[in-house]
């Protein structure tokens, strides 16, 4: 990270939509506790737990969310604007997430 922005810590109950596919946004989320699901067009692509970094693709692809993030369990998330991250690092992360697009989960 660069720029020195302090992450916002959010507590999110189970079943909550953190971001919705098609919405605008550039926050990146680090899962601190809990499990979060990635869905696109209503299809479950993956579930992630603590240590997962999600939400980078909106920043890289024009500011529109390419999928929804929905909490499976109560979660604690750290959120920060993607502009605080090195773009190359976000592109590498996004490349790994694209593997889920092919149904590899």
N, C-alpha and C. Protein backbone atom coordinates (compact mmCIF):
# COMPACT_ATOMS: atom_id res chain seq x y z
N UNK A 1 0.84 -1.18 0.00
CA UNK A 1 0.00 0.00 0.00
C UNK A 1 0.87 1.24 0.00
N UNK A 2 0.34 2.29 -0.58
CA UNK A 2 1.01 3.58 -0.52
C UNK A 2 -0.06 4.64 -0.32
N UNK A 3 0.32 5.81 0.08
CA UNK A 3 -0.65 6.89 0.29
C UNK A 3 -1.06 7.06 1.74
N UNK A 4 -0.86 6.06 2.56
CA UNK A 4 -1.08 6.20 3.99
C UNK A 4 -2.51 6.21 4.47
N UNK A 5 -3.48 5.89 3.62
CA UNK A 5 -4.87 5.86 4.08
C UNK A 5 -5.07 4.71 5.06
N UNK A 6 -5.75 4.99 6.13
CA UNK A 6 -6.04 3.98 7.14
C UNK A 6 -7.29 3.20 6.72
N UNK A 7 -7.21 1.87 6.72
CA UNK A 7 -8.39 1.08 6.34
C UNK A 7 -9.56 1.29 7.31
N UNK A 8 -10.77 1.18 6.78
CA UNK A 8 -11.98 1.19 7.60
C UNK A 8 -12.27 -0.26 7.97
N UNK A 9 -12.52 -0.51 9.24
CA UNK A 9 -12.88 -1.85 9.69
C UNK A 9 -14.40 -1.90 9.78
N UNK A 10 -14.98 -2.89 9.09
CA UNK A 10 -16.44 -3.02 9.05
C UNK A 10 -16.83 -4.39 9.59
N UNK A 11 -17.85 -4.41 10.43
CA UNK A 11 -18.46 -5.68 10.88
C UNK A 11 -19.74 -5.84 10.08
N UNK A 12 -19.85 -6.99 9.41
CA UNK A 12 -20.97 -7.22 8.50
C UNK A 12 -21.66 -8.52 8.91
N UNK A 13 -22.98 -8.50 9.10
CA UNK A 13 -23.69 -9.72 9.51
C UNK A 13 -23.77 -10.73 8.37
N UNK A 14 -24.02 -11.99 8.72
CA UNK A 14 -24.20 -13.04 7.73
C UNK A 14 -25.36 -12.69 6.80
N UNK A 15 -25.19 -13.00 5.51
CA UNK A 15 -26.24 -12.77 4.53
C UNK A 15 -26.29 -11.38 3.95
N UNK A 16 -25.37 -10.52 4.32
CA UNK A 16 -25.37 -9.14 3.83
C UNK A 16 -24.61 -9.03 2.51
N UNK A 17 -25.08 -8.15 1.64
CA UNK A 17 -24.39 -7.86 0.39
C UNK A 17 -23.43 -6.71 0.66
N UNK A 18 -22.14 -6.99 0.50
CA UNK A 18 -21.10 -5.98 0.72
C UNK A 18 -20.99 -5.08 -0.50
N UNK A 19 -20.91 -5.68 -1.68
CA UNK A 19 -20.96 -4.94 -2.95
C UNK A 19 -21.86 -5.71 -3.90
N UNK A 20 -22.51 -4.97 -4.79
CA UNK A 20 -23.45 -5.58 -5.74
C UNK A 20 -22.90 -5.43 -7.15
N UNK A 21 -22.95 -6.51 -7.91
CA UNK A 21 -22.53 -6.50 -9.31
C UNK A 21 -23.21 -5.35 -10.04
N UNK A 22 -22.41 -4.58 -10.80
CA UNK A 22 -22.95 -3.48 -11.59
C UNK A 22 -22.87 -2.14 -10.89
N UNK A 23 -22.74 -2.14 -9.56
CA UNK A 23 -22.60 -0.87 -8.82
C UNK A 23 -21.22 -0.29 -9.06
N UNK A 24 -21.10 1.00 -8.83
CA UNK A 24 -19.81 1.67 -8.92
C UNK A 24 -19.10 1.55 -7.57
N UNK A 25 -17.77 1.48 -7.62
CA UNK A 25 -17.00 1.42 -6.39
C UNK A 25 -15.57 1.03 -6.66
N UNK A 26 -14.69 1.44 -5.76
CA UNK A 26 -13.27 1.09 -5.93
C UNK A 26 -12.63 0.59 -4.64
N UNK A 27 -13.43 0.35 -3.61
CA UNK A 27 -12.84 -0.19 -2.38
C UNK A 27 -12.40 -1.63 -2.60
N UNK A 28 -11.29 -1.97 -1.96
CA UNK A 28 -10.78 -3.33 -1.92
C UNK A 28 -10.99 -3.80 -0.49
N UNK A 29 -11.37 -5.07 -0.32
CA UNK A 29 -11.70 -5.61 0.99
C UNK A 29 -10.75 -6.74 1.36
N UNK A 30 -10.26 -6.69 2.58
CA UNK A 30 -9.48 -7.76 3.17
C UNK A 30 -10.36 -8.45 4.18
N UNK A 31 -10.57 -9.75 4.02
CA UNK A 31 -11.39 -10.51 4.98
C UNK A 31 -10.53 -10.78 6.21
N UNK A 32 -10.93 -10.22 7.34
CA UNK A 32 -10.22 -10.42 8.60
C UNK A 32 -10.77 -11.63 9.34
N UNK A 33 -12.09 -11.77 9.35
CA UNK A 33 -12.78 -12.89 10.00
C UNK A 33 -14.01 -13.23 9.17
N UNK A 34 -14.36 -14.52 9.14
CA UNK A 34 -15.58 -14.94 8.48
C UNK A 34 -15.35 -15.48 7.07
N UNK A 35 -16.47 -15.73 6.40
CA UNK A 35 -16.46 -16.28 5.04
C UNK A 35 -17.34 -15.40 4.17
N UNK A 36 -16.84 -15.09 2.97
CA UNK A 36 -17.56 -14.25 2.02
C UNK A 36 -17.64 -14.97 0.68
N UNK A 37 -18.78 -14.84 0.00
CA UNK A 37 -19.02 -15.52 -1.28
C UNK A 37 -18.98 -14.51 -2.42
N UNK A 38 -18.41 -14.93 -3.54
CA UNK A 38 -18.40 -14.14 -4.77
C UNK A 38 -19.45 -14.73 -5.71
N UNK A 39 -20.34 -13.87 -6.22
CA UNK A 39 -21.38 -14.29 -7.16
C UNK A 39 -21.40 -13.37 -8.36
N UNK A 40 -21.65 -13.95 -9.51
CA UNK A 40 -21.88 -13.14 -10.70
C UNK A 40 -23.11 -13.68 -11.42
N UNK A 41 -24.02 -12.79 -11.74
CA UNK A 41 -25.28 -13.16 -12.39
C UNK A 41 -26.00 -14.24 -11.60
N UNK A 42 -25.90 -14.17 -10.27
CA UNK A 42 -26.58 -15.12 -9.40
C UNK A 42 -25.86 -16.45 -9.23
N UNK A 43 -24.76 -16.65 -9.94
CA UNK A 43 -24.00 -17.90 -9.86
C UNK A 43 -22.87 -17.76 -8.84
N UNK A 44 -22.77 -18.74 -7.96
CA UNK A 44 -21.70 -18.76 -6.96
C UNK A 44 -20.39 -19.14 -7.63
N UNK A 45 -19.40 -18.25 -7.50
CA UNK A 45 -18.09 -18.50 -8.12
C UNK A 45 -17.08 -19.04 -7.13
N UNK A 46 -17.11 -18.51 -5.90
CA UNK A 46 -16.09 -18.90 -4.92
C UNK A 46 -16.51 -18.43 -3.54
N UNK A 47 -15.87 -19.01 -2.52
CA UNK A 47 -16.00 -18.52 -1.14
C UNK A 47 -14.59 -18.33 -0.61
N UNK A 48 -14.42 -17.27 0.16
CA UNK A 48 -13.11 -16.92 0.71
C UNK A 48 -13.21 -16.66 2.20
N UNK A 49 -12.11 -16.89 2.88
CA UNK A 49 -12.03 -16.66 4.32
C UNK A 49 -10.95 -15.66 4.65
N UNK A 50 -10.52 -15.65 5.91
CA UNK A 50 -9.53 -14.69 6.38
C UNK A 50 -8.27 -14.67 5.51
N UNK A 51 -7.85 -13.46 5.21
CA UNK A 51 -6.65 -13.24 4.39
C UNK A 51 -6.95 -12.96 2.94
N UNK A 52 -8.19 -13.20 2.50
CA UNK A 52 -8.54 -12.95 1.10
C UNK A 52 -8.68 -11.46 0.84
N UNK A 53 -8.18 -11.02 -0.29
CA UNK A 53 -8.29 -9.63 -0.73
C UNK A 53 -9.19 -9.62 -1.96
N UNK A 54 -10.30 -8.88 -1.88
CA UNK A 54 -11.33 -8.92 -2.92
C UNK A 54 -11.76 -7.51 -3.32
N UNK A 55 -12.29 -7.39 -4.52
CA UNK A 55 -12.87 -6.13 -4.97
C UNK A 55 -11.98 -5.31 -5.88
N UNK A 56 -10.82 -5.82 -6.25
CA UNK A 56 -9.85 -5.06 -7.03
C UNK A 56 -10.28 -4.85 -8.48
N UNK A 57 -11.08 -5.75 -9.00
CA UNK A 57 -11.40 -5.66 -10.43
C UNK A 57 -12.19 -4.41 -10.79
N UNK A 58 -13.02 -3.92 -9.90
CA UNK A 58 -13.76 -2.70 -10.20
C UNK A 58 -12.80 -1.54 -10.47
N UNK A 59 -11.77 -1.44 -9.68
CA UNK A 59 -10.77 -0.38 -9.86
C UNK A 59 -10.05 -0.54 -11.20
N UNK A 60 -9.72 -1.76 -11.53
CA UNK A 60 -8.95 -2.04 -12.75
C UNK A 60 -9.80 -1.95 -14.02
N UNK A 61 -11.11 -2.14 -13.87
CA UNK A 61 -11.98 -2.23 -15.04
C UNK A 61 -13.03 -1.12 -15.09
N UNK A 62 -12.63 0.09 -14.72
CA UNK A 62 -13.49 1.25 -14.92
C UNK A 62 -14.41 1.63 -13.79
N UNK A 63 -14.25 1.03 -12.61
CA UNK A 63 -15.02 1.44 -11.45
C UNK A 63 -16.37 0.78 -11.28
N UNK A 64 -16.67 -0.24 -12.08
CA UNK A 64 -17.95 -0.96 -11.97
C UNK A 64 -17.68 -2.35 -11.42
N UNK A 65 -18.44 -2.74 -10.42
CA UNK A 65 -18.29 -4.05 -9.80
C UNK A 65 -18.63 -5.16 -10.79
N UNK A 66 -17.73 -6.12 -10.92
CA UNK A 66 -17.93 -7.22 -11.86
C UNK A 66 -18.64 -8.40 -11.21
N UNK A 67 -18.77 -8.38 -9.89
CA UNK A 67 -19.47 -9.45 -9.17
C UNK A 67 -19.98 -8.89 -7.85
N UNK A 68 -20.80 -9.69 -7.19
CA UNK A 68 -21.31 -9.33 -5.87
C UNK A 68 -20.52 -10.06 -4.80
N UNK A 69 -20.35 -9.43 -3.64
CA UNK A 69 -19.73 -10.05 -2.48
C UNK A 69 -20.80 -10.16 -1.40
N UNK A 70 -21.06 -11.38 -0.94
CA UNK A 70 -22.12 -11.64 0.04
C UNK A 70 -21.52 -12.42 1.20
N UNK A 71 -21.79 -11.98 2.41
CA UNK A 71 -21.25 -12.67 3.57
C UNK A 71 -21.98 -13.98 3.81
N UNK A 72 -21.23 -15.05 4.00
CA UNK A 72 -21.79 -16.36 4.33
C UNK A 72 -21.97 -16.46 5.84
N UNK A 73 -20.98 -15.93 6.57
CA UNK A 73 -21.02 -15.85 8.02
C UNK A 73 -20.83 -14.38 8.39
N UNK A 74 -21.00 -14.05 9.65
CA UNK A 74 -20.65 -12.70 10.09
C UNK A 74 -19.17 -12.48 9.75
N UNK A 75 -18.86 -11.31 9.24
CA UNK A 75 -17.49 -11.02 8.80
C UNK A 75 -16.99 -9.71 9.41
N UNK A 76 -15.70 -9.65 9.52
CA UNK A 76 -15.02 -8.40 9.82
C UNK A 76 -14.11 -8.14 8.63
N UNK A 77 -14.30 -6.97 7.99
CA UNK A 77 -13.59 -6.63 6.78
C UNK A 77 -12.81 -5.33 6.97
N UNK A 78 -11.65 -5.25 6.34
CA UNK A 78 -10.90 -3.99 6.26
C UNK A 78 -11.10 -3.49 4.84
N UNK A 79 -11.53 -2.25 4.69
CA UNK A 79 -11.80 -1.67 3.38
C UNK A 79 -10.91 -0.46 3.15
N UNK A 80 -10.35 -0.37 1.95
CA UNK A 80 -9.53 0.77 1.58
C UNK A 80 -9.69 1.00 0.08
N UNK A 81 -9.60 2.25 -0.35
CA UNK A 81 -9.70 2.55 -1.76
C UNK A 81 -8.54 1.91 -2.51
N UNK A 82 -8.84 1.31 -3.64
CA UNK A 82 -7.85 0.58 -4.43
C UNK A 82 -6.70 1.46 -4.90
N UNK A 83 -6.91 2.76 -4.97
CA UNK A 83 -5.84 3.66 -5.41
C UNK A 83 -4.67 3.66 -4.44
N UNK A 84 -4.85 3.11 -3.25
CA UNK A 84 -3.79 3.02 -2.25
C UNK A 84 -2.84 1.85 -2.53
N UNK A 85 -3.17 1.01 -3.51
CA UNK A 85 -2.38 -0.17 -3.83
C UNK A 85 -1.61 0.04 -5.13
N UNK A 86 -0.52 -0.66 -5.27
CA UNK A 86 0.25 -0.69 -6.50
C UNK A 86 -0.59 -1.36 -7.57
N UNK A 87 -0.75 -0.71 -8.71
CA UNK A 87 -1.61 -1.23 -9.78
C UNK A 87 -1.14 -2.61 -10.27
N UNK A 88 0.15 -2.81 -10.39
CA UNK A 88 0.66 -4.11 -10.86
C UNK A 88 0.29 -5.23 -9.89
N UNK A 89 0.34 -4.94 -8.60
CA UNK A 89 -0.05 -5.95 -7.61
C UNK A 89 -1.54 -6.27 -7.73
N UNK A 90 -2.37 -5.26 -7.98
CA UNK A 90 -3.80 -5.50 -8.14
C UNK A 90 -4.08 -6.29 -9.42
N UNK A 91 -3.32 -6.02 -10.48
CA UNK A 91 -3.50 -6.77 -11.72
C UNK A 91 -3.14 -8.24 -11.52
N UNK A 92 -2.08 -8.50 -10.76
CA UNK A 92 -1.70 -9.87 -10.47
C UNK A 92 -2.80 -10.58 -9.67
N UNK A 93 -3.33 -9.89 -8.66
CA UNK A 93 -4.42 -10.45 -7.86
C UNK A 93 -5.64 -10.74 -8.73
N UNK A 94 -5.99 -9.79 -9.59
CA UNK A 94 -7.15 -9.97 -10.46
C UNK A 94 -6.96 -11.14 -11.40
N UNK A 95 -5.74 -11.37 -11.86
CA UNK A 95 -5.46 -12.51 -12.73
C UNK A 95 -5.79 -13.82 -12.03
N UNK A 96 -5.48 -13.93 -10.76
CA UNK A 96 -5.81 -15.12 -9.98
C UNK A 96 -7.31 -15.27 -9.82
N UNK A 97 -8.02 -14.17 -9.65
CA UNK A 97 -9.47 -14.25 -9.48
C UNK A 97 -10.17 -14.61 -10.78
N UNK A 98 -9.58 -14.31 -11.90
CA UNK A 98 -10.21 -14.65 -13.19
C UNK A 98 -10.29 -16.16 -13.38
N UNK A 99 -9.45 -16.92 -12.70
CA UNK A 99 -9.53 -18.38 -12.81
C UNK A 99 -10.89 -18.88 -12.35
N UNK A 100 -11.50 -18.19 -11.39
CA UNK A 100 -12.83 -18.60 -10.93
C UNK A 100 -13.87 -18.40 -12.02
N UNK A 101 -13.64 -17.44 -12.91
CA UNK A 101 -14.60 -17.18 -13.98
C UNK A 101 -14.80 -18.41 -14.85
N UNK A 102 -13.79 -19.25 -14.94
CA UNK A 102 -13.85 -20.43 -15.80
C UNK A 102 -14.53 -21.60 -15.10
N UNK A 103 -15.04 -21.39 -13.89
CA UNK A 103 -15.74 -22.44 -13.18
C UNK A 103 -14.81 -23.40 -12.44
N UNK A 104 -13.62 -22.92 -12.12
CA UNK A 104 -12.65 -23.76 -11.46
C UNK A 104 -12.81 -23.85 -9.97
N UNK A 105 -13.96 -23.49 -9.44
CA UNK A 105 -14.14 -23.51 -7.98
C UNK A 105 -14.94 -24.72 -7.59
